[in-house]
Amino acid sequence: MANLLDDETGTFLVLVNEECQYSLSPEPIKVPDGWTAAHHPDTRQNCLAYIKEHWIDMRPASLRRAMPN
């Protein structure tokens, strides 16, 4: 079985969770609990570009909040 994440012609969503962590998800798959769509259905390439532009701090949000400024 082919991996849906590798489908260059597929349509994808960018998901984000409460920790401000991003994920790429094939559009036909239901958005899992705890995640919300952060970017409309788009090409794999455009979704990856969106993630690269917006996910600039890889630390979970709870860790960023806990760290001193």
PDB file of N, CA and C in Angstrom:
ATOM      1  N   MET A   1       0.847  -1.180   0.000  1.00  0.00           N
ATOM      2  CA  MET A   1       0.000   0.000   0.000  1.00  0.00           C
ATOM      3  C   MET A   1       0.891   1.240   0.000  1.00  0.00           C
ATOM      4  N   ALA A   2       0.562   2.215  -0.825  1.00  0.00           N
ATOM      5  CA  ALA A   2       1.325   3.454  -0.931  1.00  0.00           C
ATOM      6  C   ALA A   2       1.033   4.361   0.262  1.00  0.00           C
ATOM      7  N   ASN A   3       2.022   5.128   0.637  1.00  0.00           N
ATOM      8  CA  ASN A   3       1.873   6.081   1.729  1.00  0.00           C
ATOM      9  C   ASN A   3       1.196   7.343   1.191  1.00  0.00           C
ATOM     10  N   LEU A   4       0.056   7.707   1.747  1.00  0.00           N
ATOM     11  CA  LEU A   4      -0.679   8.885   1.272  1.00  0.00           C
ATOM     12  C   LEU A   4       0.122  10.174   1.415  1.00  0.00           C
ATOM     13  N   LEU A   5       1.039  10.233   2.373  1.00  0.00           N
ATOM     14  CA  LEU A   5       1.847  11.443   2.566  1.00  0.00           C
ATOM     15  C   LEU A   5       2.841  11.665   1.435  1.00  0.00           C
ATOM     16  N   ASP A   6       3.131  10.623   0.663  1.00  0.00           N
ATOM     17  CA  ASP A   6       4.082  10.724  -0.436  1.00  0.00           C
ATOM     18  C   ASP A   6       3.430  11.078  -1.767  1.00  0.00           C
ATOM     19  N   ASP A   7       2.112  11.215  -1.790  1.00  0.00           N
ATOM     20  CA  ASP A   7       1.386  11.480  -3.035  1.00  0.00           C
ATOM     21  C   ASP A   7       1.567  12.937  -3.462  1.00  0.00           C
ATOM     22  N   GLU A   8       2.445  13.156  -4.429  1.00  0.00           N
ATOM     23  CA  GLU A   8       2.730  14.516  -4.908  1.00  0.00           C
ATOM     24  C   GLU A   8       1.523  15.164  -5.592  1.00  0.00           C
ATOM     25  N   THR A   9       0.549  14.364  -6.006  1.00  0.00           N
ATOM     26  CA  THR A   9      -0.619  14.910  -6.703  1.00  0.00           C
ATOM     27  C   THR A   9      -1.830  15.024  -5.783  1.00  0.00           C
ATOM     28  N   GLY A  10      -1.688  14.608  -4.538  1.00  0.00           N
ATOM     29  CA  GLY A  10      -2.804  14.624  -3.600  1.00  0.00           C
ATOM     30  C   GLY A  10      -3.099  16.005  -3.058  1.00  0.00           C
ATOM     31  N   THR A  11      -4.196  16.091  -2.336  1.00  0.00           N
ATOM     32  CA  THR A  11      -4.591  17.317  -1.653  1.00  0.00           C
ATOM     33  C   THR A  11      -4.392  17.097  -0.158  1.00  0.00           C
ATOM     34  N   PHE A  12      -3.835  18.113   0.493  1.00  0.00           N
ATOM     35  CA  PHE A  12      -3.455  17.986   1.890  1.00  0.00           C
ATOM     36  C   PHE A  12      -3.992  19.141   2.714  1.00  0.00           C
ATOM     37  N   LEU A  13      -3.986  18.929   4.021  1.00  0.00           N
ATOM     38  CA  LEU A  13      -4.278  19.976   4.994  1.00  0.00           C
ATOM     39  C   LEU A  13      -3.047  20.153   5.867  1.00  0.00           C
ATOM     40  N   VAL A  14      -2.899  21.350   6.407  1.00  0.00           N
ATOM     41  CA  VAL A  14      -1.918  21.583   7.462  1.00  0.00           C
ATOM     42  C   VAL A  14      -2.705  21.607   8.759  1.00  0.00           C
ATOM     43  N   LEU A  15      -2.290  20.774   9.702  1.00  0.00           N
ATOM     44  CA  LEU A  15      -2.952  20.708  11.000  1.00  0.00           C
ATOM     45  C   LEU A  15      -2.057  21.310  12.062  1.00  0.00           C
ATOM     46  N   VAL A  16      -2.678  21.809  13.132  1.00  0.00           N
ATOM     47  CA  VAL A  16      -1.938  22.339  14.273  1.00  0.00           C
ATOM     48  C   VAL A  16      -2.638  21.874  15.541  1.00  0.00           C
ATOM     49  N   ASN A  17      -1.848  21.573  16.576  1.00  0.00           N
ATOM     50  CA  ASN A  17      -2.441  21.164  17.846  1.00  0.00           C
ATOM     51  C   ASN A  17      -2.266  22.260  18.886  1.00  0.00           C
ATOM     52  N   GLU A  18      -2.734  22.023  20.109  1.00  0.00           N
ATOM     53  CA  GLU A  18      -2.694  23.062  21.151  1.00  0.00           C
ATOM     54  C   GLU A  18      -1.274  23.393  21.586  1.00  0.00           C
ATOM     55  N   GLU A  19      -0.313  22.551  21.239  1.00  0.00           N
ATOM     56  CA  GLU A  19       1.094  22.816  21.545  1.00  0.00           C
ATOM     57  C   GLU A  19       1.779  23.582  20.406  1.00  0.00           C
ATOM     58  N   CYS A  20       0.977  24.017  19.430  1.00  0.00           N
ATOM     59  CA  CYS A  20       1.471  24.754  18.251  1.00  0.00           C
ATOM     60  C   CYS A  20       2.456  23.918  17.438  1.00  0.00           C
ATOM     61  N   GLN A  21       2.186  22.621  17.364  1.00  0.00           N
ATOM     62  CA  GLN A  21       2.961  21.715  16.533  1.00  0.00           C
ATOM     63  C   GLN A  21       2.168  21.477  15.247  1.00  0.00           C
ATOM     64  N   TYR A  22       2.865  21.452  14.141  1.00  0.00           N
ATOM     65  CA  TYR A  22       2.220  21.341  12.836  1.00  0.00           C
ATOM     66  C   TYR A  22       2.362  19.938  12.269  1.00  0.00           C
ATOM     67  N   SER A  23       1.422  19.580  11.408  1.00  0.00           N
ATOM     68  CA  SER A  23       1.446  18.276  10.763  1.00  0.00           C
ATOM     69  C   SER A  23       0.813  18.390   9.383  1.00  0.00           C
ATOM     70  N   LEU A  24       1.311  17.586   8.479  1.00  0.00           N
ATOM     71  CA  LEU A  24       0.739  17.463   7.140  1.00  0.00           C
ATOM     72  C   LEU A  24      -0.204  16.275   7.148  1.00  0.00           C
ATOM     73  N   SER A  25      -1.399  16.446   6.594  1.00  0.00           N
ATOM     74  CA  SER A  25      -2.373  15.358   6.588  1.00  0.00           C
ATOM     75  C   SER A  25      -3.074  15.285   5.240  1.00  0.00           C
ATOM     76  N   PRO A  26      -3.166  14.097   4.654  1.00  0.00           N
ATOM     77  CA  PRO A  26      -3.943  13.960   3.419  1.00  0.00           C
ATOM     78  C   PRO A  26      -5.391  14.378   3.677  1.00  0.00           C
ATOM     79  N   GLU A  27      -5.966  15.130   2.765  1.00  0.00           N
ATOM     80  CA  GLU A  27      -7.317  15.665   2.959  1.00  0.00           C
ATOM     81  C   GLU A  27      -8.379  14.593   3.208  1.00  0.00           C
ATOM     82  N   PRO A  28      -8.328  13.430   2.553  1.00  0.00           N
ATOM     83  CA  PRO A  28      -9.414  12.474   2.788  1.00  0.00           C
ATOM     84  C   PRO A  28      -9.461  11.927   4.217  1.00  0.00           C
ATOM     85  N   ILE A  29      -8.383  12.062   4.970  1.00  0.00           N
ATOM     86  CA  ILE A  29      -8.346  11.521   6.330  1.00  0.00           C
ATOM     87  C   ILE A  29      -8.987  12.507   7.298  1.00  0.00           C
ATOM     88  N   LYS A  30      -9.826  11.993   8.188  1.00  0.00           N
ATOM     89  CA  LYS A  30     -10.503  12.819   9.181  1.00  0.00           C
ATOM     90  C   LYS A  30      -9.470  13.489  10.087  1.00  0.00           C
ATOM     91  N   VAL A  31      -9.704  14.767  10.402  1.00  0.00           N
ATOM     92  CA  VAL A  31      -8.809  15.494  11.306  1.00  0.00           C
ATOM     93  C   VAL A  31      -8.919  14.865  12.693  1.00  0.00           C
ATOM     94  N   PRO A  32      -7.795  14.414  13.253  1.00  0.00           N
ATOM     95  CA  PRO A  32      -7.840  13.746  14.562  1.00  0.00           C
ATOM     96  C   PRO A  32      -8.231  14.706  15.685  1.00  0.00           C
ATOM     97  N   ASP A  33      -8.785  14.155  16.739  1.00  0.00           N
ATOM     98  CA  ASP A  33      -9.103  14.956  17.912  1.00  0.00           C
ATOM     99  C   ASP A  33      -7.839  15.644  18.412  1.00  0.00           C
ATOM    100  N   GLY A  34      -7.983  16.885  18.849  1.00  0.00           N
ATOM    101  CA  GLY A  34      -6.859  17.649  19.359  1.00  0.00           C
ATOM    102  C   GLY A  34      -6.120  18.437  18.296  1.00  0.00           C
ATOM    103  N   TRP A  35      -6.505  18.282  17.058  1.00  0.00           N
ATOM    104  CA  TRP A  35      -5.884  18.985  15.946  1.00  0.00           C
ATOM    105  C   TRP A  35      -6.933  19.813  15.214  1.00  0.00           C
ATOM    106  N   THR A  36      -6.525  20.918  14.630  1.00  0.00           N
ATOM    107  CA  THR A  36      -7.414  21.734  13.801  1.00  0.00           C
ATOM    108  C   THR A  36      -6.695  22.078  12.503  1.00  0.00           C
ATOM    109  N   ALA A  37      -7.473  22.323  11.473  1.00  0.00           N
ATOM    110  CA  ALA A  37      -6.891  22.722  10.194  1.00  0.00           C
ATOM    111  C   ALA A  37      -6.388  24.152  10.298  1.00  0.00           C
ATOM    112  N   ALA A  38      -5.120  24.357   9.923  1.00  0.00           N
ATOM    113  CA  ALA A  38      -4.512  25.683   9.963  1.00  0.00           C
ATOM    114  C   ALA A  38      -4.380  26.284   8.565  1.00  0.00           C
ATOM    115  N   HIS A  39      -4.551  25.446   7.544  1.00  0.00           N
ATOM    116  CA  HIS A  39      -4.417  25.889   6.159  1.00  0.00           C
ATOM    117  C   HIS A  39      -5.388  25.083   5.311  1.00  0.00           C
ATOM    118  N   HIS A  40      -6.015  25.751   4.395  1.00  0.00           N
ATOM    119  CA  HIS A  40      -7.040  25.132   3.536  1.00  0.00           C
ATOM    120  C   HIS A  40      -6.464  23.988   2.707  1.00  0.00           C
ATOM    121  N   PRO A  41      -7.313  23.140   2.156  1.00  0.00           N
ATOM    122  CA  PRO A  41      -6.823  22.065   1.288  1.00  0.00           C
ATOM    123  C   PRO A  41      -5.975  22.644   0.156  1.00  0.00           C
ATOM    124  N   ASP A  42      -4.814  22.035  -0.042  1.00  0.00           N
ATOM    125  CA  ASP A  42      -3.866  22.590  -1.002  1.00  0.00           C
ATOM    126  C   ASP A  42      -2.926  21.473  -1.457  1.00  0.00           C
ATOM    127  N   THR A  43      -2.016  21.811  -2.333  1.00  0.00           N
ATOM    128  CA  THR A  43      -1.036  20.837  -2.796  1.00  0.00           C
ATOM    129  C   THR A  43      -0.064  20.495  -1.665  1.00  0.00           C
ATOM    130  N   ARG A  44       0.577  19.363  -1.796  1.00  0.00           N
ATOM    131  CA  ARG A  44       1.565  18.942  -0.796  1.00  0.00           C
ATOM    132  C   ARG A  44       2.664  19.995  -0.679  1.00  0.00           C
ATOM    133  N   GLN A  45       3.160  20.467  -1.810  1.00  0.00           N
ATOM    134  CA  GLN A  45       4.235  21.455  -1.826  1.00  0.00           C
ATOM    135  C   GLN A  45       3.820  22.748  -1.118  1.00  0.00           C
ATOM    136  N   ASN A  46       2.620  23.244  -1.392  1.00  0.00           N
ATOM    137  CA  ASN A  46       2.160  24.482  -0.751  1.00  0.00           C
ATOM    138  C   ASN A  46       1.948  24.298   0.748  1.00  0.00           C
ATOM    139  N   CYS A  47       1.465  23.131   1.144  1.00  0.00           N
ATOM    140  CA  CYS A  47       1.274  22.867   2.576  1.00  0.00           C
ATOM    141  C   CYS A  47       2.612  22.801   3.300  1.00  0.00           C
ATOM    142  N   LEU A  48       3.595  22.158   2.689  1.00  0.00           N
ATOM    143  CA  LEU A  48       4.922  22.103   3.311  1.00  0.00           C
ATOM    144  C   LEU A  48       5.542  23.493   3.396  1.00  0.00           C
ATOM    145  N   ALA A  49       5.313  24.331   2.397  1.00  0.00           N
ATOM    146  CA  ALA A  49       5.809  25.712   2.431  1.00  0.00           C
ATOM    147  C   ALA A  49       5.136  26.489   3.559  1.00  0.00           C
ATOM    148  N   TYR A  50       3.836  26.258   3.748  1.00  0.00           N
ATOM    149  CA  TYR A  50       3.106  26.918   4.835  1.00  0.00           C
ATOM    150  C   TYR A  50       3.696  26.517   6.190  1.00  0.00           C
ATOM    151  N   ILE A  51       3.950  25.227   6.371  1.00  0.00           N
ATOM    152  CA  ILE A  51       4.530  24.749   7.628  1.00  0.00           C
ATOM    153  C   ILE A  51       5.903  25.393   7.845  1.00  0.00           C
ATOM    154  N   LYS A  52       6.715  25.412   6.823  1.00  0.00           N
ATOM    155  CA  LYS A  52       8.057  25.999   6.942  1.00  0.00           C
ATOM    156  C   LYS A  52       7.988  27.472   7.327  1.00  0.00           C
ATOM    157  N   GLU A  53       7.032  28.194   6.785  1.00  0.00           N
ATOM    158  CA  GLU A  53       6.888  29.623   7.069  1.00  0.00           C
ATOM    159  C   GLU A  53       6.341  29.880   8.474  1.00  0.00           C
ATOM    160  N   HIS A  54       5.428  29.035   8.961  1.00  0.00           N
ATOM    161  CA  HIS A  54       4.725  29.314  10.212  1.00  0.00           C
ATOM    162  C   HIS A  54       5.258  28.582  11.437  1.00  0.00           C
ATOM    163  N   TRP A  55       5.899  27.447  11.256  1.00  0.00           N
ATOM    164  CA  TRP A  55       6.396  26.683  12.400  1.00  0.00           C
ATOM    165  C   TRP A  55       7.864  27.040  12.610  1.00  0.00           C
ATOM    166  N   ILE A  56       8.081  28.204  13.205  1.00  0.00           N
ATOM    167  CA  ILE A  56       9.439  28.729  13.330  1.00  0.00           C
ATOM    168  C   ILE A  56      10.097  28.350  14.655  1.00  0.00           C
ATOM    169  N   ASP A  57       9.336  27.875  15.600  1.00  0.00           N
ATOM    170  CA  ASP A  57       9.880  27.442  16.889  1.00  0.00           C
ATOM    171  C   ASP A  57       9.378  26.029  17.155  1.00  0.00           C
ATOM    172  N   MET A  58      10.278  25.058  17.086  1.00  0.00           N
ATOM    173  CA  MET A  58       9.898  23.653  17.184  1.00  0.00           C
ATOM    174  C   MET A  58       9.529  23.222  18.610  1.00  0.00           C
ATOM    175  N   ARG A  59       9.844  24.055  19.597  1.00  0.00           N
ATOM    176  CA  ARG A  59       9.514  23.683  20.972  1.00  0.00           C
ATOM    177  C   ARG A  59       7.996  23.706  21.174  1.00  0.00           C
ATOM    178  N   PRO A  60       7.454  22.758  21.938  1.00  0.00           N
ATOM    179  CA  PRO A  60       6.023  22.799  22.249  1.00  0.00           C
ATOM    180  C   PRO A  60       5.676  24.099  22.989  1.00  0.00           C
ATOM    181  N   ALA A  61       4.473  24.595  22.800  1.00  0.00           N
ATOM    182  CA  ALA A  61       4.045  25.845  23.422  1.00  0.00           C
ATOM    183  C   ALA A  61       4.162  25.795  24.945  1.00  0.00           C
ATOM    184  N   SER A  62       3.870  24.646  25.540  1.00  0.00           N
ATOM    185  CA  SER A  62       3.964  24.545  27.005  1.00  0.00           C
ATOM    186  C   SER A  62       5.407  24.731  27.472  1.00  0.00           C
ATOM    187  N   LEU A  63       6.358  24.258  26.721  1.00  0.00           N
ATOM    188  CA  LEU A  63       7.760  24.447  27.088  1.00  0.00           C
ATOM    189  C   LEU A  63       8.164  25.909  26.940  1.00  0.00           C
ATOM    190  N   ARG A  64       7.737  26.547  25.862  1.00  0.00           N
ATOM    191  CA  ARG A  64       8.052  27.977  25.676  1.00  0.00           C
ATOM    192  C   ARG A  64       7.482  28.804  26.807  1.00  0.00           C
ATOM    193  N   ARG A  65       6.261  28.472  27.248  1.00  0.00           N
ATOM    194  CA  ARG A  65       5.639  29.221  28.349  1.00  0.00           C
ATOM    195  C   ARG A  65       6.383  28.998  29.655  1.00  0.00           C
ATOM    196  N   ALA A  66       6.920  27.805  29.871  1.00  0.00           N
ATOM    197  CA  ALA A  66       7.596  27.466  31.112  1.00  0.00           C
ATOM    198  C   ALA A  66       9.006  28.029  31.214  1.00  0.00           C
ATOM    199  N   MET A  67       9.582  28.370  30.085  1.00  0.00           N
ATOM    200  CA  MET A  67      10.960  28.854  30.091  1.00  0.00           C
ATOM    201  C   MET A  67      11.004  30.342  30.440  1.00  0.00           C
ATOM    202  N   PRO A  68      12.036  30.759  31.193  1.00  0.00           N
ATOM    203  CA  PRO A  68      12.157  32.181  31.516  1.00  0.00           C
ATOM    204  C   PRO A  68      12.444  32.983  30.239  1.00  0.00           C
ATOM    205  N   ASN A  69      11.989  34.213  30.238  1.00  0.00           N
ATOM    206  CA  ASN A  69      12.212  35.083  29.059  1.00  0.00           C
ATOM    207  C   ASN A  69      13.627  35.535  28.966  1.00  0.00           C
TER     208      ASN A  69
END
